Amino acid sequence: MGIYRVIAYGAAAAVLLAGCGGQIAKTGHARIIGVGCGVMTLQYADGKKKLKRIDPDNLRAGTKMALENVGKPGKYVETTQGSTLTFPCGDTMNYYEDTYAPEEE
């Protein structure tokens, strides 16, 4: 009975320490280079550009914040459930993937 308990504890520890899969969030730096009707264009540190949807639950405030911070570098955290972009002044906005946008380079 003792060896099974050791194996079970070892397996549990391995799962807790290593996690259950891939990366949960992607982080880095990006800047807003354009703002449109409910969308914005982010340019990542590697030069790639992607269209993102501004949070529809807070569209007016999100669009205003995006316009105020065009060209300023921000730190992003992107997940499948939603993403945030935090600017040096402390402002943080929510955004989402634009599933209908073509990939830009």
N, C-alpha and C. Protein backbone atom coordinates (compact mmCIF):
# COMPACT_ATOMS: atom_id res chain seq x y z
N MET A 1 0.83 -1.19 0.00
CA MET A 1 0.00 0.00 0.00
C MET A 1 0.87 1.25 0.00
N GLY A 2 2.02 1.23 0.62
CA GLY A 2 2.90 2.38 0.74
C GLY A 2 3.47 2.83 -0.58
N ILE A 3 3.85 1.88 -1.45
CA ILE A 3 4.44 2.24 -2.74
C ILE A 3 3.42 2.94 -3.64
N TYR A 4 2.15 2.53 -3.57
CA TYR A 4 1.12 3.16 -4.37
C TYR A 4 0.88 4.61 -3.93
N ARG A 5 0.96 4.84 -2.65
CA ARG A 5 0.79 6.18 -2.12
C ARG A 5 1.94 7.07 -2.59
N VAL A 6 3.16 6.55 -2.58
CA VAL A 6 4.31 7.32 -3.04
C VAL A 6 4.18 7.66 -4.52
N ILE A 7 3.73 6.69 -5.32
CA ILE A 7 3.53 6.93 -6.75
C ILE A 7 2.44 7.98 -6.96
N ALA A 8 1.35 7.89 -6.23
CA ALA A 8 0.26 8.86 -6.37
C ALA A 8 0.71 10.26 -5.99
N TYR A 9 1.45 10.39 -4.89
CA TYR A 9 1.95 11.70 -4.47
C TYR A 9 2.95 12.25 -5.49
N GLY A 10 3.78 11.38 -6.04
CA GLY A 10 4.74 11.81 -7.06
C GLY A 10 4.06 12.31 -8.31
N ALA A 11 3.02 11.60 -8.75
CA ALA A 11 2.27 12.01 -9.94
C ALA A 11 1.56 13.34 -9.69
N ALA A 12 0.97 13.50 -8.51
CA ALA A 12 0.29 14.75 -8.18
C ALA A 12 1.28 15.91 -8.14
N ALA A 13 2.44 15.68 -7.58
CA ALA A 13 3.46 16.73 -7.52
C ALA A 13 3.94 17.11 -8.92
N ALA A 14 4.10 16.13 -9.78
CA ALA A 14 4.55 16.40 -11.15
C ALA A 14 3.53 17.26 -11.90
N VAL A 15 2.25 16.96 -11.72
CA VAL A 15 1.20 17.73 -12.39
C VAL A 15 1.18 19.16 -11.85
N LEU A 16 1.29 19.30 -10.54
CA LEU A 16 1.26 20.64 -9.95
C LEU A 16 2.47 21.48 -10.35
N LEU A 17 3.63 20.87 -10.42
CA LEU A 17 4.84 21.62 -10.75
C LEU A 17 4.99 21.89 -12.24
N ALA A 18 4.59 20.94 -13.07
CA ALA A 18 4.79 21.08 -14.51
C ALA A 18 3.57 21.67 -15.21
N GLY A 19 2.41 21.63 -14.61
CA GLY A 19 1.21 22.13 -15.27
C GLY A 19 0.56 21.04 -16.10
N CYS A 20 -0.55 21.38 -16.70
CA CYS A 20 -1.32 20.38 -17.44
C CYS A 20 -1.29 20.59 -18.94
N GLY A 21 -0.42 21.40 -19.43
CA GLY A 21 -0.44 21.58 -20.87
C GLY A 21 0.40 22.75 -21.29
N GLY A 22 -0.12 23.43 -22.29
CA GLY A 22 0.63 24.52 -22.90
C GLY A 22 0.56 25.81 -22.13
N GLN A 23 1.00 26.83 -22.80
CA GLN A 23 1.08 28.15 -22.23
C GLN A 23 -0.32 28.72 -22.04
N ILE A 24 -0.58 29.33 -20.88
CA ILE A 24 -1.90 29.88 -20.58
C ILE A 24 -2.05 31.28 -21.18
N ALA A 25 -1.02 32.10 -21.08
CA ALA A 25 -1.09 33.47 -21.57
C ALA A 25 0.18 33.82 -22.35
N LYS A 26 0.02 34.76 -23.27
CA LYS A 26 1.14 35.26 -24.04
C LYS A 26 1.35 36.71 -23.61
N THR A 27 2.58 37.09 -23.29
CA THR A 27 2.86 38.45 -22.85
C THR A 27 3.94 39.09 -23.71
N GLY A 28 4.00 40.38 -23.66
CA GLY A 28 5.02 41.12 -24.40
C GLY A 28 4.66 42.58 -24.48
N HIS A 29 5.26 43.27 -25.44
CA HIS A 29 5.02 44.70 -25.63
C HIS A 29 4.46 44.97 -27.02
N ALA A 30 3.54 45.93 -27.08
CA ALA A 30 2.92 46.32 -28.35
C ALA A 30 2.48 47.77 -28.24
N ARG A 31 2.17 48.35 -29.40
CA ARG A 31 1.64 49.71 -29.41
C ARG A 31 0.46 49.76 -30.37
N ILE A 32 -0.48 50.64 -30.06
CA ILE A 32 -1.64 50.85 -30.93
C ILE A 32 -1.19 51.77 -32.06
N ILE A 33 -1.44 51.36 -33.29
CA ILE A 33 -1.06 52.21 -34.42
C ILE A 33 -2.27 52.71 -35.20
N GLY A 34 -3.46 52.25 -34.83
CA GLY A 34 -4.67 52.72 -35.50
C GLY A 34 -5.90 52.34 -34.72
N VAL A 35 -6.92 53.21 -34.77
CA VAL A 35 -8.19 52.95 -34.08
C VAL A 35 -9.31 53.20 -35.07
N GLY A 36 -10.24 52.25 -35.14
CA GLY A 36 -11.39 52.38 -36.02
C GLY A 36 -12.68 52.22 -35.25
N CYS A 37 -13.72 51.85 -35.92
CA CYS A 37 -15.04 51.68 -35.31
C CYS A 37 -15.09 50.37 -34.53
N GLY A 38 -14.73 50.42 -33.26
CA GLY A 38 -14.77 49.23 -32.41
C GLY A 38 -13.56 48.32 -32.53
N VAL A 39 -12.57 48.72 -33.32
CA VAL A 39 -11.37 47.91 -33.49
C VAL A 39 -10.12 48.78 -33.38
N MET A 40 -9.00 48.14 -33.17
CA MET A 40 -7.72 48.83 -33.16
C MET A 40 -6.68 47.92 -33.79
N THR A 41 -5.63 48.52 -34.30
CA THR A 41 -4.53 47.76 -34.87
C THR A 41 -3.37 47.81 -33.90
N LEU A 42 -2.91 46.64 -33.47
CA LEU A 42 -1.75 46.54 -32.58
C LEU A 42 -0.53 46.17 -33.40
N GLN A 43 0.58 46.81 -33.10
CA GLN A 43 1.85 46.43 -33.69
C GLN A 43 2.72 45.87 -32.57
N TYR A 44 3.10 44.60 -32.71
CA TYR A 44 3.89 43.92 -31.70
C TYR A 44 5.37 44.28 -31.84
N ALA A 45 6.15 43.95 -30.83
CA ALA A 45 7.57 44.26 -30.81
C ALA A 45 8.31 43.64 -31.99
N ASP A 46 7.83 42.51 -32.50
CA ASP A 46 8.49 41.86 -33.64
C ASP A 46 8.08 42.46 -34.99
N GLY A 47 7.22 43.50 -34.97
CA GLY A 47 6.81 44.18 -36.19
C GLY A 47 5.49 43.71 -36.77
N LYS A 48 4.97 42.59 -36.31
CA LYS A 48 3.69 42.08 -36.83
C LYS A 48 2.55 42.98 -36.37
N LYS A 49 1.54 43.10 -37.23
CA LYS A 49 0.36 43.91 -36.93
C LYS A 49 -0.86 43.01 -36.93
N LYS A 50 -1.76 43.24 -35.97
CA LYS A 50 -3.00 42.47 -35.90
C LYS A 50 -4.15 43.38 -35.51
N LEU A 51 -5.30 43.11 -36.08
CA LEU A 51 -6.52 43.83 -35.76
C LEU A 51 -7.16 43.19 -34.53
N LYS A 52 -7.55 44.00 -33.55
CA LYS A 52 -8.16 43.51 -32.31
C LYS A 52 -9.47 44.25 -32.07
N ARG A 53 -10.44 43.55 -31.45
CA ARG A 53 -11.73 44.16 -31.11
C ARG A 53 -11.63 44.82 -29.74
N ILE A 54 -12.05 46.06 -29.65
CA ILE A 54 -12.12 46.75 -28.36
C ILE A 54 -13.29 46.15 -27.59
N ASP A 55 -13.15 46.04 -26.28
CA ASP A 55 -14.17 45.44 -25.41
C ASP A 55 -15.55 46.03 -25.71
N PRO A 56 -16.49 45.23 -26.22
CA PRO A 56 -17.81 45.76 -26.57
C PRO A 56 -18.63 46.19 -25.35
N ASP A 57 -18.31 45.68 -24.18
CA ASP A 57 -19.04 46.07 -22.96
C ASP A 57 -18.62 47.46 -22.49
N ASN A 58 -17.50 47.96 -22.98
CA ASN A 58 -16.98 49.25 -22.57
C ASN A 58 -16.41 49.96 -23.80
N LEU A 59 -17.19 49.98 -24.87
CA LEU A 59 -16.69 50.43 -26.17
C LEU A 59 -16.29 51.90 -26.17
N ARG A 60 -17.10 52.76 -25.61
CA ARG A 60 -16.80 54.19 -25.64
C ARG A 60 -15.52 54.50 -24.86
N ALA A 61 -15.43 54.01 -23.63
CA ALA A 61 -14.23 54.26 -22.81
C ALA A 61 -13.00 53.58 -23.40
N GLY A 62 -13.17 52.38 -23.95
CA GLY A 62 -12.05 51.66 -24.56
C GLY A 62 -11.52 52.37 -25.79
N THR A 63 -12.44 52.88 -26.62
CA THR A 63 -12.02 53.62 -27.81
C THR A 63 -11.31 54.91 -27.42
N LYS A 64 -11.84 55.61 -26.42
CA LYS A 64 -11.20 56.85 -25.95
C LYS A 64 -9.79 56.56 -25.43
N MET A 65 -9.65 55.50 -24.63
CA MET A 65 -8.34 55.15 -24.09
C MET A 65 -7.38 54.77 -25.20
N ALA A 66 -7.86 54.04 -26.19
CA ALA A 66 -7.01 53.65 -27.32
C ALA A 66 -6.53 54.88 -28.08
N LEU A 67 -7.42 55.83 -28.32
CA LEU A 67 -7.05 57.05 -29.03
C LEU A 67 -6.03 57.88 -28.25
N GLU A 68 -6.19 57.93 -26.93
CA GLU A 68 -5.26 58.70 -26.09
C GLU A 68 -3.87 58.07 -26.05
N ASN A 69 -3.78 56.77 -26.33
CA ASN A 69 -2.51 56.07 -26.19
C ASN A 69 -1.93 55.56 -27.50
N VAL A 70 -2.40 56.11 -28.63
CA VAL A 70 -1.85 55.71 -29.92
C VAL A 70 -0.35 56.00 -29.95
N GLY A 71 0.42 55.01 -30.34
CA GLY A 71 1.87 55.16 -30.46
C GLY A 71 2.65 54.92 -29.18
N LYS A 72 1.98 54.84 -28.06
CA LYS A 72 2.68 54.61 -26.79
C LYS A 72 2.86 53.11 -26.57
N PRO A 73 4.02 52.69 -26.10
CA PRO A 73 4.24 51.27 -25.85
C PRO A 73 3.42 50.80 -24.64
N GLY A 74 2.92 49.59 -24.72
CA GLY A 74 2.17 49.01 -23.62
C GLY A 74 2.53 47.55 -23.45
N LYS A 75 2.23 47.01 -22.29
CA LYS A 75 2.48 45.60 -22.01
C LYS A 75 1.16 44.86 -22.18
N TYR A 76 1.19 43.82 -22.99
CA TYR A 76 -0.03 43.05 -23.22
C TYR A 76 0.04 41.69 -22.54
N VAL A 77 -1.14 41.19 -22.19
CA VAL A 77 -1.33 39.82 -21.71
C VAL A 77 -2.51 39.29 -22.51
N GLU A 78 -2.24 38.30 -23.37
CA GLU A 78 -3.29 37.75 -24.23
C GLU A 78 -3.62 36.32 -23.83
N THR A 79 -4.91 36.05 -23.67
CA THR A 79 -5.41 34.71 -23.39
C THR A 79 -6.54 34.42 -24.37
N THR A 80 -7.03 33.21 -24.36
CA THR A 80 -8.14 32.86 -25.24
C THR A 80 -9.45 33.48 -24.76
N GLN A 81 -9.53 33.86 -23.49
CA GLN A 81 -10.76 34.43 -22.94
C GLN A 81 -10.82 35.95 -23.07
N GLY A 82 -9.73 36.58 -23.41
CA GLY A 82 -9.67 38.04 -23.52
C GLY A 82 -8.27 38.51 -23.20
N SER A 83 -8.00 39.75 -23.51
CA SER A 83 -6.64 40.26 -23.35
C SER A 83 -6.67 41.65 -22.75
N THR A 84 -5.51 42.07 -22.20
CA THR A 84 -5.38 43.41 -21.65
C THR A 84 -4.13 44.06 -22.20
N LEU A 85 -4.17 45.38 -22.28
CA LEU A 85 -3.03 46.19 -22.69
C LEU A 85 -2.90 47.29 -21.65
N THR A 86 -1.74 47.33 -20.98
CA THR A 86 -1.48 48.30 -19.92
C THR A 86 -0.42 49.28 -20.39
N PHE A 87 -0.72 50.56 -20.25
CA PHE A 87 0.16 51.62 -20.71
C PHE A 87 1.01 52.15 -19.56
N PRO A 88 2.10 52.87 -19.85
CA PRO A 88 2.98 53.38 -18.79
C PRO A 88 2.27 54.28 -17.77
N CYS A 89 1.22 54.98 -18.19
CA CYS A 89 0.49 55.86 -17.27
C CYS A 89 -0.38 55.07 -16.29
N GLY A 90 -0.52 53.76 -16.51
CA GLY A 90 -1.33 52.93 -15.62
C GLY A 90 -2.68 52.54 -16.19
N ASP A 91 -3.09 53.17 -17.30
CA ASP A 91 -4.36 52.82 -17.93
C ASP A 91 -4.29 51.39 -18.46
N THR A 92 -5.37 50.64 -18.26
CA THR A 92 -5.46 49.26 -18.77
C THR A 92 -6.76 49.11 -19.53
N MET A 93 -6.68 48.56 -20.73
CA MET A 93 -7.88 48.32 -21.51
C MET A 93 -8.00 46.85 -21.89
N ASN A 94 -9.22 46.41 -22.06
CA ASN A 94 -9.51 45.03 -22.47
C ASN A 94 -9.76 44.99 -23.97
N TYR A 95 -9.35 43.90 -24.60
CA TYR A 95 -9.61 43.70 -26.02
C TYR A 95 -9.69 42.21 -26.31
N TYR A 96 -10.15 41.89 -27.51
CA TYR A 96 -10.36 40.49 -27.91
C TYR A 96 -9.82 40.28 -29.32
N GLU A 97 -9.61 39.03 -29.66
CA GLU A 97 -9.21 38.68 -31.02
C GLU A 97 -10.32 39.07 -31.98
N ASP A 98 -9.96 39.56 -33.13
CA ASP A 98 -10.95 39.83 -34.18
C ASP A 98 -10.94 38.63 -35.12
N THR A 99 -11.88 37.74 -34.94
CA THR A 99 -11.89 36.48 -35.69
C THR A 99 -12.19 36.67 -37.17
N TYR A 100 -12.70 37.84 -37.56
CA TYR A 100 -13.03 38.08 -38.96
C TYR A 100 -11.95 38.83 -39.71
N ALA A 101 -10.92 39.28 -39.00
CA ALA A 101 -9.87 40.10 -39.63
C ALA A 101 -8.87 39.22 -40.35
N PRO A 102 -8.41 39.67 -41.51
CA PRO A 102 -7.33 38.93 -42.19
C PRO A 102 -6.03 39.16 -41.45
N GLU A 103 -5.11 38.23 -41.56
CA GLU A 103 -3.79 38.36 -40.92
C GLU A 103 -3.02 39.44 -41.65
N GLU A 104 -2.42 40.35 -40.89
CA GLU A 104 -1.58 41.40 -41.47
C GLU A 104 -0.13 41.12 -41.14
N GLU A 105 0.76 41.77 -41.88
CA GLU A 105 2.19 41.61 -41.60
C GLU A 105 2.85 42.94 -41.44
